[in-house]
Amino acid sequence: SGKGKGDQEALLASLYLSILSRLPAPEETESIREYARSSGLPLSKTAADIAWALINSKEFQYRH
């Protein structure tokens, strides 16, 4: 059902590169996967939530 793991990795990489100009750390990837699992939605459906979380992060605020 839905996208495969490779597609999910590409989605996360794209979000992180676009917003924070870096790839996600392994612990960030796992945290996001846990959030997607707990929401009951596929990662692709939680992409907007993830993007807003990154935009509101201190890392984004201090770099951009």
PDB file of N, CA and C in Angstrom:
ATOM      1  N   SER A   1       0.834  -1.196   0.000  1.00  0.00           N
ATOM      2  CA  SER A   1       0.000   0.000   0.000  1.00  0.00           C
ATOM      3  C   SER A   1       0.866   1.241   0.000  1.00  0.00           C
ATOM      4  N   GLY A   2       0.557   2.189  -0.861  1.00  0.00           N
ATOM      5  CA  GLY A   2       1.250   3.464  -0.850  1.00  0.00           C
ATOM      6  C   GLY A   2       2.661   3.383  -1.380  1.00  0.00           C
ATOM      7  N   LYS A   3       3.450   4.296  -0.960  1.00  0.00           N
ATOM      8  CA  LYS A   3       4.818   4.401  -1.457  1.00  0.00           C
ATOM      9  C   LYS A   3       5.744   3.472  -0.684  1.00  0.00           C
ATOM     10  N   GLY A   4       6.795   3.039  -1.368  1.00  0.00           N
ATOM     11  CA  GLY A   4       7.786   2.178  -0.737  1.00  0.00           C
ATOM     12  C   GLY A   4       8.744   2.962   0.118  1.00  0.00           C
ATOM     13  N   LYS A   5       9.618   2.228   0.801  1.00  0.00           N
ATOM     14  CA  LYS A   5      10.587   2.860   1.701  1.00  0.00           C
ATOM     15  C   LYS A   5      11.505   3.822   0.956  1.00  0.00           C
ATOM     16  N   GLY A   6      11.910   3.474  -0.261  1.00  0.00           N
ATOM     17  CA  GLY A   6      12.772   4.347  -1.046  1.00  0.00           C
ATOM     18  C   GLY A   6      12.101   5.673  -1.354  1.00  0.00           C
ATOM     19  N   ASP A   7      10.805   5.631  -1.664  1.00  0.00           N
ATOM     20  CA  ASP A   7      10.058   6.856  -1.933  1.00  0.00           C
ATOM     21  C   ASP A   7       9.941   7.706  -0.675  1.00  0.00           C
ATOM     22  N   GLN A   8       9.751   7.055   0.468  1.00  0.00           N
ATOM     23  CA  GLN A   8       9.661   7.785   1.737  1.00  0.00           C
ATOM     24  C   GLN A   8      10.993   8.445   2.065  1.00  0.00           C
ATOM     25  N   GLU A   9      12.080   7.727   1.839  1.00  0.00           N
ATOM     26  CA  GLU A   9      13.417   8.290   2.074  1.00  0.00           C
ATOM     27  C   GLU A   9      13.631   9.512   1.178  1.00  0.00           C
ATOM     28  N   ALA A  10      13.215   9.409  -0.075  1.00  0.00           N
ATOM     29  CA  ALA A  10      13.374  10.518  -1.013  1.00  0.00           C
ATOM     30  C   ALA A  10      12.523  11.714  -0.587  1.00  0.00           C
ATOM     31  N   LEU A  11      11.321  11.458  -0.090  1.00  0.00           N
ATOM     32  CA  LEU A  11      10.455  12.539   0.378  1.00  0.00           C
ATOM     33  C   LEU A  11      11.091  13.259   1.563  1.00  0.00           C
ATOM     34  N   LEU A  12      11.564  12.506   2.539  1.00  0.00           N
ATOM     35  CA  LEU A  12      12.222  13.115   3.704  1.00  0.00           C
ATOM     36  C   LEU A  12      13.463  13.896   3.288  1.00  0.00           C
ATOM     37  N   ALA A  13      14.274  13.299   2.427  1.00  0.00           N
ATOM     38  CA  ALA A  13      15.488  13.973   1.964  1.00  0.00           C
ATOM     39  C   ALA A  13      15.129  15.278   1.268  1.00  0.00           C
ATOM     40  N   SER A  14      14.103  15.245   0.444  1.00  0.00           N
ATOM     41  CA  SER A  14      13.680  16.443  -0.277  1.00  0.00           C
ATOM     42  C   SER A  14      13.211  17.538   0.675  1.00  0.00           C
ATOM     43  N   LEU A  15      12.411  17.168   1.671  1.00  0.00           N
ATOM     44  CA  LEU A  15      11.938  18.150   2.648  1.00  0.00           C
ATOM     45  C   LEU A  15      13.103  18.776   3.410  1.00  0.00           C
ATOM     46  N   TYR A  16      13.994  17.937   3.903  1.00  0.00           N
ATOM     47  CA  TYR A  16      15.130  18.444   4.684  1.00  0.00           C
ATOM     48  C   TYR A  16      16.063  19.296   3.830  1.00  0.00           C
ATOM     49  N   LEU A  17      16.353  18.847   2.609  1.00  0.00           N
ATOM     50  CA  LEU A  17      17.248  19.616   1.752  1.00  0.00           C
ATOM     51  C   LEU A  17      16.626  20.957   1.374  1.00  0.00           C
ATOM     52  N   SER A  18      15.330  20.963   1.101  1.00  0.00           N
ATOM     53  CA  SER A  18      14.646  22.200   0.714  1.00  0.00           C
ATOM     54  C   SER A  18      14.549  23.191   1.863  1.00  0.00           C
ATOM     55  N   ILE A  19      14.323  22.689   3.060  1.00  0.00           N
ATOM     56  CA  ILE A  19      14.057  23.574   4.199  1.00  0.00           C
ATOM     57  C   ILE A  19      15.302  23.843   5.036  1.00  0.00           C
ATOM     58  N   LEU A  20      16.088  22.817   5.327  1.00  0.00           N
ATOM     59  CA  LEU A  20      17.250  22.990   6.204  1.00  0.00           C
ATOM     60  C   LEU A  20      18.589  22.881   5.478  1.00  0.00           C
ATOM     61  N   SER A  21      18.551  22.596   4.196  1.00  0.00           N
ATOM     62  CA  SER A  21      19.766  22.469   3.380  1.00  0.00           C
ATOM     63  C   SER A  21      20.693  21.356   3.868  1.00  0.00           C
ATOM     64  N   ARG A  22      20.087  20.298   4.378  1.00  0.00           N
ATOM     65  CA  ARG A  22      20.861  19.121   4.805  1.00  0.00           C
ATOM     66  C   ARG A  22      19.941  17.915   4.813  1.00  0.00           C
ATOM     67  N   LEU A  23      20.544  16.741   4.888  1.00  0.00           N
ATOM     68  CA  LEU A  23      19.760  15.513   4.991  1.00  0.00           C
ATOM     69  C   LEU A  23      19.374  15.258   6.446  1.00  0.00           C
ATOM     70  N   PRO A  24      18.296  14.526   6.677  1.00  0.00           N
ATOM     71  CA  PRO A  24      17.920  14.223   8.058  1.00  0.00           C
ATOM     72  C   PRO A  24      18.887  13.233   8.695  1.00  0.00           C
ATOM     73  N   ALA A  25      19.136  13.423   9.973  1.00  0.00           N
ATOM     74  CA  ALA A  25      19.945  12.469  10.733  1.00  0.00           C
ATOM     75  C   ALA A  25      19.110  11.206  10.948  1.00  0.00           C
ATOM     76  N   PRO A  26      19.749  10.068  11.159  1.00  0.00           N
ATOM     77  CA  PRO A  26      18.986   8.823  11.364  1.00  0.00           C
ATOM     78  C   PRO A  26      17.937   8.926  12.480  1.00  0.00           C
ATOM     79  N   GLU A  27      18.279   9.617  13.573  1.00  0.00           N
ATOM     80  CA  GLU A  27      17.305   9.717  14.666  1.00  0.00           C
ATOM     81  C   GLU A  27      16.125  10.614  14.274  1.00  0.00           C
ATOM     82  N   GLU A  28      16.367  11.587  13.415  1.00  0.00           N
ATOM     83  CA  GLU A  28      15.265  12.425  12.933  1.00  0.00           C
ATOM     84  C   GLU A  28      14.347  11.613  12.021  1.00  0.00           C
ATOM     85  N   THR A  29      14.943  10.810  11.159  1.00  0.00           N
ATOM     86  CA  THR A  29      14.160   9.944  10.278  1.00  0.00           C
ATOM     87  C   THR A  29      13.279   9.013  11.098  1.00  0.00           C
ATOM     88  N   GLU A  30      13.836   8.404  12.127  1.00  0.00           N
ATOM     89  CA  GLU A  30      13.057   7.484  12.962  1.00  0.00           C
ATOM     90  C   GLU A  30      11.946   8.224  13.699  1.00  0.00           C
ATOM     91  N   SER A  31      12.229   9.412  14.201  1.00  0.00           N
ATOM     92  CA  SER A  31      11.224  10.209  14.893  1.00  0.00           C
ATOM     93  C   SER A  31      10.060  10.550  13.958  1.00  0.00           C
ATOM     94  N   ILE A  32      10.370  10.901  12.728  1.00  0.00           N
ATOM     95  CA  ILE A  32       9.332  11.233  11.755  1.00  0.00           C
ATOM     96  C   ILE A  32       8.520   9.993  11.397  1.00  0.00           C
ATOM     97  N   ARG A  33       9.185   8.877  11.236  1.00  0.00           N
ATOM     98  CA  ARG A  33       8.453   7.625  10.960  1.00  0.00           C
ATOM     99  C   ARG A  33       7.514   7.282  12.107  1.00  0.00           C
ATOM    100  N   GLU A  34       7.967   7.474  13.328  1.00  0.00           N
ATOM    101  CA  GLU A  34       7.122   7.203  14.495  1.00  0.00           C
ATOM    102  C   GLU A  34       5.909   8.130  14.491  1.00  0.00           C
ATOM    103  N   TYR A  35       6.119   9.396  14.161  1.00  0.00           N
ATOM    104  CA  TYR A  35       5.002  10.343  14.073  1.00  0.00           C
ATOM    105  C   TYR A  35       3.994   9.882  13.019  1.00  0.00           C
ATOM    106  N   ALA A  36       4.493   9.479  11.845  1.00  0.00           N
ATOM    107  CA  ALA A  36       3.608   9.018  10.771  1.00  0.00           C
ATOM    108  C   ALA A  36       2.835   7.776  11.221  1.00  0.00           C
ATOM    109  N   ARG A  37       3.514   6.841  11.892  1.00  0.00           N
ATOM    110  CA  ARG A  37       2.833   5.633  12.390  1.00  0.00           C
ATOM    111  C   ARG A  37       1.754   5.991  13.405  1.00  0.00           C
ATOM    112  N   SER A  38       2.076   6.897  14.327  1.00  0.00           N
ATOM    113  CA  SER A  38       1.108   7.243  15.376  1.00  0.00           C
ATOM    114  C   SER A  38      -0.083   8.011  14.818  1.00  0.00           C
ATOM    115  N   SER A  39       0.111   8.718  13.706  1.00  0.00           N
ATOM    116  CA  SER A  39      -0.993   9.463  13.102  1.00  0.00           C
ATOM    117  C   SER A  39      -1.918   8.539  12.320  1.00  0.00           C
ATOM    118  N   GLY A  40      -1.420   7.356  11.978  1.00  0.00           N
ATOM    119  CA  GLY A  40      -2.214   6.420  11.201  1.00  0.00           C
ATOM    120  C   GLY A  40      -2.240   6.765   9.718  1.00  0.00           C
ATOM    121  N   LEU A  41      -1.436   7.738   9.318  1.00  0.00           N
ATOM    122  CA  LEU A  41      -1.390   8.160   7.919  1.00  0.00           C
ATOM    123  C   LEU A  41      -0.045   7.795   7.310  1.00  0.00           C
ATOM    124  N   PRO A  42       0.001   7.617   5.992  1.00  0.00           N
ATOM    125  CA  PRO A  42       1.300   7.374   5.358  1.00  0.00           C
ATOM    126  C   PRO A  42       2.164   8.622   5.432  1.00  0.00           C
ATOM    127  N   LEU A  43       3.452   8.431   5.343  1.00  0.00           N
ATOM    128  CA  LEU A  43       4.393   9.539   5.436  1.00  0.00           C
ATOM    129  C   LEU A  43       4.064  10.638   4.434  1.00  0.00           C
ATOM    130  N   SER A  44       3.631  10.259   3.241  1.00  0.00           N
ATOM    131  CA  SER A  44       3.313  11.262   2.224  1.00  0.00           C
ATOM    132  C   SER A  44       2.172  12.180   2.658  1.00  0.00           C
ATOM    133  N   LYS A  45       1.279  11.680   3.495  1.00  0.00           N
ATOM    134  CA  LYS A  45       0.151  12.492   3.971  1.00  0.00           C
ATOM    135  C   LYS A  45       0.531  13.378   5.151  1.00  0.00           C
ATOM    136  N   THR A  46       1.641  13.105   5.783  1.00  0.00           N
ATOM    137  CA  THR A  46       2.083  13.932   6.909  1.00  0.00           C
ATOM    138  C   THR A  46       3.187  14.906   6.488  1.00  0.00           C
ATOM    139  N   ALA A  47       3.480  14.968   5.191  1.00  0.00           N
ATOM    140  CA  ALA A  47       4.562  15.817   4.689  1.00  0.00           C
ATOM    141  C   ALA A  47       4.357  17.286   5.057  1.00  0.00           C
ATOM    142  N   ALA A  48       3.134  17.782   4.990  1.00  0.00           N
ATOM    143  CA  ALA A  48       2.886  19.188   5.337  1.00  0.00           C
ATOM    144  C   ALA A  48       3.196  19.436   6.808  1.00  0.00           C
ATOM    145  N   ASP A  49       2.804  18.509   7.685  1.00  0.00           N
ATOM    146  CA  ASP A  49       3.114  18.651   9.117  1.00  0.00           C
ATOM    147  C   ASP A  49       4.622  18.675   9.337  1.00  0.00           C
ATOM    148  N   ILE A  50       5.316  17.795   8.646  1.00  0.00           N
ATOM    149  CA  ILE A  50       6.768  17.714   8.783  1.00  0.00           C
ATOM    150  C   ILE A  50       7.406  19.015   8.290  1.00  0.00           C
ATOM    151  N   ALA A  51       6.939  19.510   7.148  1.00  0.00           N
ATOM    152  CA  ALA A  51       7.485  20.754   6.603  1.00  0.00           C
ATOM    153  C   ALA A  51       7.293  21.903   7.587  1.00  0.00           C
ATOM    154  N   TRP A  52       6.103  22.030   8.160  1.00  0.00           N
ATOM    155  CA  TRP A  52       5.857  23.109   9.126  1.00  0.00           C
ATOM    156  C   TRP A  52       6.725  22.947  10.366  1.00  0.00           C
ATOM    157  N   ALA A  53       6.916  21.727  10.825  1.00  0.00           N
ATOM    158  CA  ALA A  53       7.775  21.504  11.988  1.00  0.00           C
ATOM    159  C   ALA A  53       9.204  21.951  11.688  1.00  0.00           C
ATOM    160  N   LEU A  54       9.690  21.659  10.490  1.00  0.00           N
ATOM    161  CA  LEU A  54      11.043  22.070  10.119  1.00  0.00           C
ATOM    162  C   LEU A  54      11.143  23.587   9.999  1.00  0.00           C
ATOM    163  N   ILE A  55      10.135  24.205   9.389  1.00  0.00           N
ATOM    164  CA  ILE A  55      10.135  25.662   9.230  1.00  0.00           C
ATOM    165  C   ILE A  55      10.099  26.355  10.593  1.00  0.00           C
ATOM    166  N   ASN A  56       9.416  25.759  11.548  1.00  0.00           N
ATOM    167  CA  ASN A  56       9.315  26.350  12.882  1.00  0.00           C
ATOM    168  C   ASN A  56      10.445  25.934  13.816  1.00  0.00           C
ATOM    169  N   SER A  57      11.397  25.152  13.316  1.00  0.00           N
ATOM    170  CA  SER A  57      12.514  24.709  14.157  1.00  0.00           C
ATOM    171  C   SER A  57      13.498  25.848  14.393  1.00  0.00           C
ATOM    172  N   LYS A  58      14.209  25.774  15.507  1.00  0.00           N
ATOM    173  CA  LYS A  58      15.244  26.774  15.793  1.00  0.00           C
ATOM    174  C   LYS A  58      16.332  26.750  14.735  1.00  0.00           C
ATOM    175  N   GLU A  59      16.641  25.572  14.232  1.00  0.00           N
ATOM    176  CA  GLU A  59      17.675  25.467  13.205  1.00  0.00           C
ATOM    177  C   GLU A  59      17.294  26.308  11.979  1.00  0.00           C
ATOM    178  N   PHE A  60      16.052  26.225  11.545  1.00  0.00           N
ATOM    179  CA  PHE A  60      15.614  27.008  10.393  1.00  0.00           C
ATOM    180  C   PHE A  60      15.624  28.501  10.724  1.00  0.00           C
ATOM    181  N   GLN A  61      15.122  28.858  11.886  1.00  0.00           N
ATOM    182  CA  GLN A  61      15.030  30.254  12.265  1.00  0.00           C
ATOM    183  C   GLN A  61      16.393  30.928  12.355  1.00  0.00           C
ATOM    184  N   TYR A  62      17.404  30.203  12.814  1.00  0.00           N
ATOM    185  CA  TYR A  62      18.723  30.803  12.962  1.00  0.00           C
ATOM    186  C   TYR A  62      19.557  30.761  11.693  1.00  0.00           C
ATOM    187  N   ARG A  63      19.221  29.882  10.755  1.00  0.00           N
ATOM    188  CA  ARG A  63      19.989  29.789   9.518  1.00  0.00           C
ATOM    189  C   ARG A  63      19.393  30.598   8.382  1.00  0.00           C
ATOM    190  N   HIS A  64      18.096  30.875   8.445  1.00  0.00           N
ATOM    191  CA  HIS A  64      17.456  31.510   7.280  1.00  0.00           C
ATOM    192  C   HIS A  64      16.846  32.792   7.666  1.00  0.00           C
TER     193      HIS A  64
END
